[in-house]
Amino acid sequence: MSILFANSLIDGYLVSNFIGKGIVLLQIAGSIAMVAAIIGKWRELSFVNRTTRRFLHDFASSHDVLEYYLTRRPSTKAGLEGIYKETCERLLKLLSPDVRALLVGRNTEGAAALTAREIELVRGTCEHSLDEEEIRVEHGMGVIATVVALAPMLGLLGTVWGVLDAFAEMGSAGSANLATIAPSISSALVTTVVGLIIAIPGVIAFNQMNATIRSITSNMEGFADELIARIACEFQGRGA
């Protein structure tokens, strides 16, 4: 059955007009770009999920908000660790050199407090980093969505164009013989079939990755809120 289906597609493509062949080639090129984007995005999301779980475990076991930053010195600028790194760097810059030296030395006695305005500055840095990470996580999804939307639309365009040509040929021949018009109609339907073959698995992959992205961004937003809350609890109103 599948062999007959593939043969009918190939035969329909071979007898289609120039427009039909061009649309099919364009659809195939789009599908290659879509598959490459899906593979790359899956690898990226898998990496982000692994690093997120590891970081949350390590951060939850720390005694204070700066312990992980001062002991591990995170180098990455991606995911939750990137948000944490940027926020901690902003926090340390707001402290005086003496207080900063105490914190780096893991001596928290007598550390000065942050004012409410300084807490808001740290919050702004955290939220800005959060926005950047959400954009980075969603990057590349537009390619998949574009191919999924355009592939069946291009297929419909090729089918309508092919049907128009078939009826024009039938009018020129002055005959409505089915044996004459059937090959043209069959070739006209090839673009729609190819478009659906590309779009259906693309929609499935897009929806699954979109759900994963929503989960990742939800974790990021929750972590950002917790981070600012811990900073406020540990630094606002502290000091001699």
C-alpha atoms as a PDB file:
ATOM      1  CA  MET A   1       0.000   0.000   0.000  1.00  0.00           C
ATOM      2  CA  SER A   2       2.765   2.404   0.949  1.00  0.00           C
ATOM      3  CA  ILE A   3       4.682   1.485  -2.199  1.00  0.00           C
ATOM      4  CA  LEU A   4       1.653   2.227  -4.371  1.00  0.00           C
ATOM      5  CA  PHE A   5       1.168   5.524  -2.531  1.00  0.00           C
ATOM      6  CA  ALA A   6       4.804   6.502  -3.065  1.00  0.00           C
ATOM      7  CA  ASN A   7       4.643   5.515  -6.724  1.00  0.00           C
ATOM      8  CA  SER A   8       1.484   7.571  -7.239  1.00  0.00           C
ATOM      9  CA  LEU A   9       3.180  10.582  -5.690  1.00  0.00           C
ATOM     10  CA  ILE A  10       6.239  10.175  -7.876  1.00  0.00           C
ATOM     11  CA  ASP A  11       4.158   9.638 -11.020  1.00  0.00           C
ATOM     12  CA  GLY A  12       1.987  12.629 -10.159  1.00  0.00           C
ATOM     13  CA  TYR A  13       5.066  14.786  -9.590  1.00  0.00           C
ATOM     14  CA  LEU A  14       6.646  13.722 -12.897  1.00  0.00           C
ATOM     15  CA  VAL A  15       3.557  14.641 -14.949  1.00  0.00           C
ATOM     16  CA  SER A  16       2.850  17.881 -13.065  1.00  0.00           C
ATOM     17  CA  ASN A  17       3.546  21.253 -14.606  1.00  0.00           C
ATOM     18  CA  PHE A  18       6.422  23.582 -13.836  1.00  0.00           C
ATOM     19  CA  ILE A  19       4.528  25.363 -11.057  1.00  0.00           C
ATOM     20  CA  GLY A  20       3.610  22.102  -9.330  1.00  0.00           C
ATOM     21  CA  LYS A  21       7.164  20.796  -9.441  1.00  0.00           C
ATOM     22  CA  GLY A  22       8.495  24.089  -8.125  1.00  0.00           C
ATOM     23  CA  ILE A  23       6.044  24.085  -5.207  1.00  0.00           C
ATOM     24  CA  VAL A  24       6.943  20.502  -4.277  1.00  0.00           C
ATOM     25  CA  LEU A  25      10.650  21.338  -4.312  1.00  0.00           C
ATOM     26  CA  LEU A  26       9.945  24.399  -2.166  1.00  0.00           C
ATOM     27  CA  GLN A  27       7.981  22.256   0.277  1.00  0.00           C
ATOM     28  CA  ILE A  28      10.800  19.717   0.483  1.00  0.00           C
ATOM     29  CA  ALA A  29      13.331  22.484   1.144  1.00  0.00           C
ATOM     30  CA  GLY A  30      11.094  23.848   3.889  1.00  0.00           C
ATOM     31  CA  SER A  31      10.713  20.391   5.418  1.00  0.00           C
ATOM     32  CA  ILE A  32      14.496  19.975   5.556  1.00  0.00           C
ATOM     33  CA  ALA A  33      14.801  23.297   7.379  1.00  0.00           C
ATOM     34  CA  MET A  34      11.978  22.272   9.723  1.00  0.00           C
ATOM     35  CA  VAL A  35      13.545  18.904  10.567  1.00  0.00           C
ATOM     36  CA  ALA A  36      16.901  20.568  11.248  1.00  0.00           C
ATOM     37  CA  ALA A  37      15.191  23.114  13.510  1.00  0.00           C
ATOM     38  CA  ILE A  38      13.283  20.377  15.361  1.00  0.00           C
ATOM     39  CA  ILE A  39      16.414  18.300  15.981  1.00  0.00           C
ATOM     40  CA  GLY A  40      18.393  21.313  17.150  1.00  0.00           C
ATOM     41  CA  LYS A  41      15.578  22.529  19.387  1.00  0.00           C
ATOM     42  CA  TRP A  42      15.051  19.123  20.979  1.00  0.00           C
ATOM     43  CA  ARG A  43      18.734  18.916  21.844  1.00  0.00           C
ATOM     44  CA  GLU A  44      18.685  22.427  23.277  1.00  0.00           C
ATOM     45  CA  LEU A  45      15.576  21.808  25.375  1.00  0.00           C
ATOM     46  CA  SER A  46      16.966  18.523  26.660  1.00  0.00           C
ATOM     47  CA  PHE A  47      20.164  20.287  27.711  1.00  0.00           C
ATOM     48  CA  VAL A  48      18.219  23.083  29.418  1.00  0.00           C
ATOM     49  CA  ASN A  49      16.082  20.560  31.299  1.00  0.00           C
ATOM     50  CA  ARG A  50      19.147  18.674  32.541  1.00  0.00           C
ATOM     51  CA  THR A  51      20.992  21.797  33.652  1.00  0.00           C
ATOM     52  CA  THR A  52      17.830  23.185  35.277  1.00  0.00           C
ATOM     53  CA  ARG A  53      17.316  20.086  37.414  1.00  0.00           C
ATOM     54  CA  ARG A  54      20.968  20.030  38.430  1.00  0.00           C
ATOM     55  CA  PHE A  55      21.070  23.728  39.277  1.00  0.00           C
ATOM     56  CA  LEU A  56      17.817  23.688  41.274  1.00  0.00           C
ATOM     57  CA  HIS A  57      19.115  20.755  43.320  1.00  0.00           C
ATOM     58  CA  ASP A  58      22.423  22.503  44.069  1.00  0.00           C
ATOM     59  CA  PHE A  59      20.822  25.874  44.755  1.00  0.00           C
ATOM     60  CA  ALA A  60      18.208  24.404  47.123  1.00  0.00           C
ATOM     61  CA  SER A  61      20.967  22.833  49.213  1.00  0.00           C
ATOM     62  CA  SER A  62      22.858  26.133  49.643  1.00  0.00           C
ATOM     63  CA  HIS A  63      22.692  27.924  52.994  1.00  0.00           C
ATOM     64  CA  ASP A  64      22.317  31.437  51.605  1.00  0.00           C
ATOM     65  CA  VAL A  65      21.540  33.040  48.289  1.00  0.00           C
ATOM     66  CA  LEU A  66      25.168  33.784  47.370  1.00  0.00           C
ATOM     67  CA  GLU A  67      26.738  30.477  48.402  1.00  0.00           C
ATOM     68  CA  TYR A  68      26.388  28.774  45.028  1.00  0.00           C
ATOM     69  CA  TYR A  69      27.707  31.837  43.181  1.00  0.00           C
ATOM     70  CA  LEU A  70      30.718  32.324  45.455  1.00  0.00           C
ATOM     71  CA  THR A  71      31.682  28.652  45.724  1.00  0.00           C
ATOM     72  CA  ARG A  72      30.890  27.406  42.219  1.00  0.00           C
ATOM     73  CA  ARG A  73      31.555  30.557  40.180  1.00  0.00           C
ATOM     74  CA  PRO A  74      29.000  29.712  37.442  1.00  0.00           C
ATOM     75  CA  SER A  75      30.330  30.523  33.980  1.00  0.00           C
ATOM     76  CA  THR A  76      27.281  29.789  31.872  1.00  0.00           C
ATOM     77  CA  LYS A  77      24.927  32.558  30.799  1.00  0.00           C
ATOM     78  CA  ALA A  78      22.050  30.299  29.798  1.00  0.00           C
ATOM     79  CA  GLY A  79      19.005  29.048  31.645  1.00  0.00           C
ATOM     80  CA  LEU A  80      18.422  29.441  35.359  1.00  0.00           C
ATOM     81  CA  GLU A  81      22.124  29.592  36.062  1.00  0.00           C
ATOM     82  CA  GLY A  82      22.419  32.569  33.729  1.00  0.00           C
ATOM     83  CA  ILE A  83      19.586  34.393  35.512  1.00  0.00           C
ATOM     84  CA  TYR A  84      21.187  33.607  38.877  1.00  0.00           C
ATOM     85  CA  LYS A  85      24.646  34.724  37.742  1.00  0.00           C
ATOM     86  CA  GLU A  86      23.461  38.072  36.365  1.00  0.00           C
ATOM     87  CA  THR A  87      21.387  38.761  39.481  1.00  0.00           C
ATOM     88  CA  CYS A  88      24.216  37.937  41.876  1.00  0.00           C
ATOM     89  CA  GLU A  89      26.648  40.108  39.939  1.00  0.00           C
ATOM     90  CA  ARG A  90      24.214  43.016  40.174  1.00  0.00           C
ATOM     91  CA  LEU A  91      23.733  42.382  43.891  1.00  0.00           C
ATOM     92  CA  LEU A  92      27.454  42.395  44.637  1.00  0.00           C
ATOM     93  CA  LYS A  93      28.002  45.610  42.671  1.00  0.00           C
ATOM     94  CA  LEU A  94      25.507  47.403  44.921  1.00  0.00           C
ATOM     95  CA  LEU A  95      27.443  46.490  48.058  1.00  0.00           C
ATOM     96  CA  SER A  96      30.419  48.428  49.381  1.00  0.00           C
ATOM     97  CA  PRO A  97      33.902  46.960  48.813  1.00  0.00           C
ATOM     98  CA  ASP A  98      34.289  46.080  52.492  1.00  0.00           C
ATOM     99  CA  VAL A  99      30.973  44.261  52.647  1.00  0.00           C
ATOM    100  CA  ARG A 100      31.702  42.553  49.344  1.00  0.00           C
ATOM    101  CA  ALA A 101      35.031  41.321  50.715  1.00  0.00           C
ATOM    102  CA  LEU A 102      33.260  39.916  53.757  1.00  0.00           C
ATOM    103  CA  LEU A 103      30.771  38.062  51.605  1.00  0.00           C
ATOM    104  CA  VAL A 104      33.424  36.700  49.259  1.00  0.00           C
ATOM    105  CA  GLY A 105      35.256  35.446  52.334  1.00  0.00           C
ATOM    106  CA  ARG A 106      31.996  33.793  53.420  1.00  0.00           C
ATOM    107  CA  ASN A 107      31.831  36.038  56.496  1.00  0.00           C
ATOM    108  CA  THR A 108      28.284  37.399  56.660  1.00  0.00           C
ATOM    109  CA  GLU A 109      28.490  39.004  60.095  1.00  0.00           C
ATOM    110  CA  GLY A 110      27.779  42.728  60.035  1.00  0.00           C
ATOM    111  CA  ALA A 111      26.933  42.871  56.352  1.00  0.00           C
ATOM    112  CA  ALA A 112      25.162  46.074  55.411  1.00  0.00           C
ATOM    113  CA  ALA A 113      21.568  46.088  54.309  1.00  0.00           C
ATOM    114  CA  LEU A 114      20.219  46.888  50.854  1.00  0.00           C
ATOM    115  CA  THR A 115      17.684  49.639  50.587  1.00  0.00           C
ATOM    116  CA  ALA A 116      14.268  49.042  49.048  1.00  0.00           C
ATOM    117  CA  ARG A 117      15.420  50.901  45.923  1.00  0.00           C
ATOM    118  CA  GLU A 118      18.495  48.688  45.610  1.00  0.00           C
ATOM    119  CA  ILE A 119      16.321  45.606  45.980  1.00  0.00           C
ATOM    120  CA  GLU A 120      14.216  46.908  43.083  1.00  0.00           C
ATOM    121  CA  LEU A 121      17.375  47.391  40.998  1.00  0.00           C
ATOM    122  CA  VAL A 122      18.305  43.763  41.639  1.00  0.00           C
ATOM    123  CA  ARG A 123      14.755  42.737  40.780  1.00  0.00           C
ATOM    124  CA  GLY A 124      14.978  44.658  37.489  1.00  0.00           C
ATOM    125  CA  THR A 125      18.199  42.859  36.556  1.00  0.00           C
ATOM    126  CA  CYS A 126      16.639  39.506  37.413  1.00  0.00           C
ATOM    127  CA  GLU A 127      13.501  40.193  35.376  1.00  0.00           C
ATOM    128  CA  HIS A 128      15.548  41.444  32.415  1.00  0.00           C
ATOM    129  CA  SER A 129      17.656  38.270  32.476  1.00  0.00           C
ATOM    130  CA  LEU A 130      14.455  36.243  32.730  1.00  0.00           C
ATOM    131  CA  ASP A 131      13.021  37.927  29.626  1.00  0.00           C
ATOM    132  CA  GLU A 132      16.239  37.264  27.702  1.00  0.00           C
ATOM    133  CA  GLU A 133      16.226  33.596  28.667  1.00  0.00           C
ATOM    134  CA  GLU A 134      12.565  33.178  27.681  1.00  0.00           C
ATOM    135  CA  ILE A 135      13.336  34.677  24.266  1.00  0.00           C
ATOM    136  CA  ARG A 136      16.362  32.392  23.908  1.00  0.00           C
ATOM    137  CA  VAL A 137      14.326  29.305  24.787  1.00  0.00           C
ATOM    138  CA  GLU A 138      11.649  30.192  22.229  1.00  0.00           C
ATOM    139  CA  HIS A 139      14.188  31.007  19.515  1.00  0.00           C
ATOM    140  CA  GLY A 140      13.865  28.751  16.467  1.00  0.00           C
ATOM    141  CA  MET A 141      10.222  27.873  16.995  1.00  0.00           C
ATOM    142  CA  GLY A 142       9.238  30.428  14.348  1.00  0.00           C
ATOM    143  CA  VAL A 143      10.921  28.350  11.617  1.00  0.00           C
ATOM    144  CA  ILE A 144       8.878  25.294  12.564  1.00  0.00           C
ATOM    145  CA  ALA A 145       5.629  27.256  12.820  1.00  0.00           C
ATOM    146  CA  THR A 146       6.255  28.936   9.451  1.00  0.00           C
ATOM    147  CA  VAL A 147       6.883  25.658   7.615  1.00  0.00           C
ATOM    148  CA  VAL A 148       3.894  23.985   9.291  1.00  0.00           C
ATOM    149  CA  ALA A 149       1.619  26.841   8.206  1.00  0.00           C
ATOM    150  CA  LEU A 150       3.000  27.368   4.701  1.00  0.00           C
ATOM    151  CA  ALA A 151       3.420  23.763   3.547  1.00  0.00           C
ATOM    152  CA  PRO A 152      -0.326  22.967   3.237  1.00  0.00           C
ATOM    153  CA  MET A 153      -1.076  26.470   1.953  1.00  0.00           C
ATOM    154  CA  LEU A 154       1.478  26.062  -0.814  1.00  0.00           C
ATOM    155  CA  GLY A 155       0.017  22.634  -1.485  1.00  0.00           C
ATOM    156  CA  LEU A 156      -3.448  24.122  -1.856  1.00  0.00           C
ATOM    157  CA  LEU A 157      -2.078  26.764  -4.201  1.00  0.00           C
ATOM    158  CA  GLY A 158      -0.422  24.099  -6.357  1.00  0.00           C
ATOM    159  CA  THR A 159      -3.598  22.017  -6.437  1.00  0.00           C
ATOM    160  CA  VAL A 160      -5.806  24.926  -7.454  1.00  0.00           C
ATOM    161  CA  TRP A 161      -3.316  25.952 -10.117  1.00  0.00           C
ATOM    162  CA  GLY A 162      -3.121  22.402 -11.427  1.00  0.00           C
ATOM    163  CA  VAL A 163      -6.911  22.067 -11.540  1.00  0.00           C
ATOM    164  CA  LEU A 164      -7.144  25.319 -13.478  1.00  0.00           C
ATOM    165  CA  ASP A 165      -4.645  23.992 -16.010  1.00  0.00           C
ATOM    166  CA  ALA A 166      -6.558  20.704 -16.228  1.00  0.00           C
ATOM    167  CA  PHE A 167      -9.829  22.460 -16.997  1.00  0.00           C
ATOM    168  CA  ALA A 168      -8.078  24.728 -19.484  1.00  0.00           C
ATOM    169  CA  GLU A 169      -6.696  21.663 -21.276  1.00  0.00           C
ATOM    170  CA  MET A 170     -10.118  20.054 -21.215  1.00  0.00           C
ATOM    171  CA  GLY A 171     -11.645  23.181 -22.726  1.00  0.00           C
ATOM    172  CA  SER A 172      -9.009  23.353 -25.429  1.00  0.00           C
ATOM    173  CA  ALA A 173      -9.563  19.703 -26.293  1.00  0.00           C
ATOM    174  CA  GLY A 174     -13.340  20.176 -26.270  1.00  0.00           C
ATOM    175  CA  SER A 175     -13.778  16.906 -24.441  1.00  0.00           C
ATOM    176  CA  ALA A 176     -14.598  15.887 -20.857  1.00  0.00           C
ATOM    177  CA  ASN A 177     -13.043  12.451 -21.192  1.00  0.00           C
ATOM    178  CA  LEU A 178     -12.031  11.173 -17.718  1.00  0.00           C
ATOM    179  CA  ALA A 179      -9.007   9.364 -19.093  1.00  0.00           C
ATOM    180  CA  THR A 180      -7.721  12.685 -20.416  1.00  0.00           C
ATOM    181  CA  ILE A 181      -8.307  14.827 -17.348  1.00  0.00           C
ATOM    182  CA  ALA A 182      -7.527  12.288 -14.595  1.00  0.00           C
ATOM    183  CA  PRO A 183      -3.688  12.491 -14.867  1.00  0.00           C
ATOM    184  CA  SER A 184      -3.802  16.287 -14.637  1.00  0.00           C
ATOM    185  CA  ILE A 185      -6.075  16.215 -11.586  1.00  0.00           C
ATOM    186  CA  SER A 186      -3.887  13.564  -9.959  1.00  0.00           C
ATOM    187  CA  SER A 187      -0.747  15.608 -10.491  1.00  0.00           C
ATOM    188  CA  ALA A 188      -2.507  18.701  -9.143  1.00  0.00           C
ATOM    189  CA  LEU A 189      -3.265  16.925  -5.866  1.00  0.00           C
ATOM    190  CA  VAL A 190       0.388  15.989  -5.276  1.00  0.00           C
ATOM    191  CA  THR A 191       1.287  19.370  -3.773  1.00  0.00           C
ATOM    192  CA  THR A 192      -1.531  19.168  -1.217  1.00  0.00           C
ATOM    193  CA  VAL A 193      -0.554  15.640  -0.206  1.00  0.00           C
ATOM    194  CA  VAL A 194       3.091  16.633   0.216  1.00  0.00           C
ATOM    195  CA  GLY A 195       2.071  19.691   2.226  1.00  0.00           C
ATOM    196  CA  LEU A 196      -0.018  17.595   4.616  1.00  0.00           C
ATOM    197  CA  ILE A 197       2.732  14.997   4.981  1.00  0.00           C
ATOM    198  CA  ILE A 198       5.078  17.784   6.072  1.00  0.00           C
ATOM    199  CA  ALA A 199       2.597  19.694   8.242  1.00  0.00           C
ATOM    200  CA  ILE A 200       1.114  16.841  10.322  1.00  0.00           C
ATOM    201  CA  PRO A 201       4.345  15.640  12.028  1.00  0.00           C
ATOM    202  CA  GLY A 202       5.463  19.264  12.238  1.00  0.00           C
ATOM    203  CA  VAL A 203       2.358  20.184  14.237  1.00  0.00           C
ATOM    204  CA  ILE A 204       2.908  17.252  16.605  1.00  0.00           C
ATOM    205  CA  ALA A 205       6.554  18.187  17.194  1.00  0.00           C
ATOM    206  CA  PHE A 206       5.709  21.885  17.582  1.00  0.00           C
ATOM    207  CA  ASN A 207       3.020  21.234  20.195  1.00  0.00           C
ATOM    208  CA  GLN A 208       5.234  18.899  22.204  1.00  0.00           C
ATOM    209  CA  MET A 209       8.141  21.330  22.205  1.00  0.00           C
ATOM    210  CA  ASN A 210       5.815  24.218  23.011  1.00  0.00           C
ATOM    211  CA  ALA A 211       4.605  22.353  26.089  1.00  0.00           C
ATOM    212  CA  THR A 212       8.216  21.765  27.141  1.00  0.00           C
ATOM    213  CA  ILE A 213       9.018  25.441  26.637  1.00  0.00           C
ATOM    214  CA  ARG A 214       6.026  26.462  28.766  1.00  0.00           C
ATOM    215  CA  SER A 215       7.278  24.172  31.531  1.00  0.00           C
ATOM    216  CA  ILE A 216      10.796  25.627  31.307  1.00  0.00           C
ATOM    217  CA  THR A 217       9.607  29.245  31.335  1.00  0.00           C
ATOM    218  CA  SER A 218       7.304  28.486  34.271  1.00  0.00           C
ATOM    219  CA  ASN A 219      10.274  27.118  36.217  1.00  0.00           C
ATOM    220  CA  MET A 220      12.298  30.204  35.290  1.00  0.00           C
ATOM    221  CA  GLU A 221       9.594  32.573  36.467  1.00  0.00           C
ATOM    222  CA  GLY A 222       9.156  30.663  39.722  1.00  0.00           C
ATOM    223  CA  PHE A 223      12.897  30.635  40.337  1.00  0.00           C
ATOM    224  CA  ALA A 224      13.188  34.367  39.634  1.00  0.00           C
ATOM    225  CA  ASP A 225      10.447  35.130  42.174  1.00  0.00           C
ATOM    226  CA  GLU A 226      12.083  32.873  44.762  1.00  0.00           C
ATOM    227  CA  LEU A 227      15.520  34.392  44.135  1.00  0.00           C
ATOM    228  CA  ILE A 228      14.317  37.957  44.667  1.00  0.00           C
ATOM    229  CA  ALA A 229      12.355  36.910  47.748  1.00  0.00           C
ATOM    230  CA  ARG A 230      15.444  35.279  49.267  1.00  0.00           C
ATOM    231  CA  ILE A 231      17.576  38.322  48.476  1.00  0.00           C
ATOM    232  CA  ALA A 232      15.018  40.578  50.141  1.00  0.00           C
ATOM    233  CA  CYS A 233      14.850  38.322  53.215  1.00  0.00           C
ATOM    234  CA  GLU A 234      18.630  38.031  53.573  1.00  0.00           C
ATOM    235  CA  PHE A 235      19.710  41.576  52.737  1.00  0.00           C
ATOM    236  CA  GLN A 236      16.875  44.025  53.301  1.00  0.00           C
ATOM    237  CA  GLY A 237      17.135  45.443  56.818  1.00  0.00           C
ATOM    238  CA  ARG A 238      20.348  43.595  57.715  1.00  0.00           C
ATOM    239  CA  GLY A 239      23.448  45.094  59.154  1.00  0.00           C
ATOM    240  CA  ALA A 240      24.685  46.987  62.172  1.00  0.00           C
END
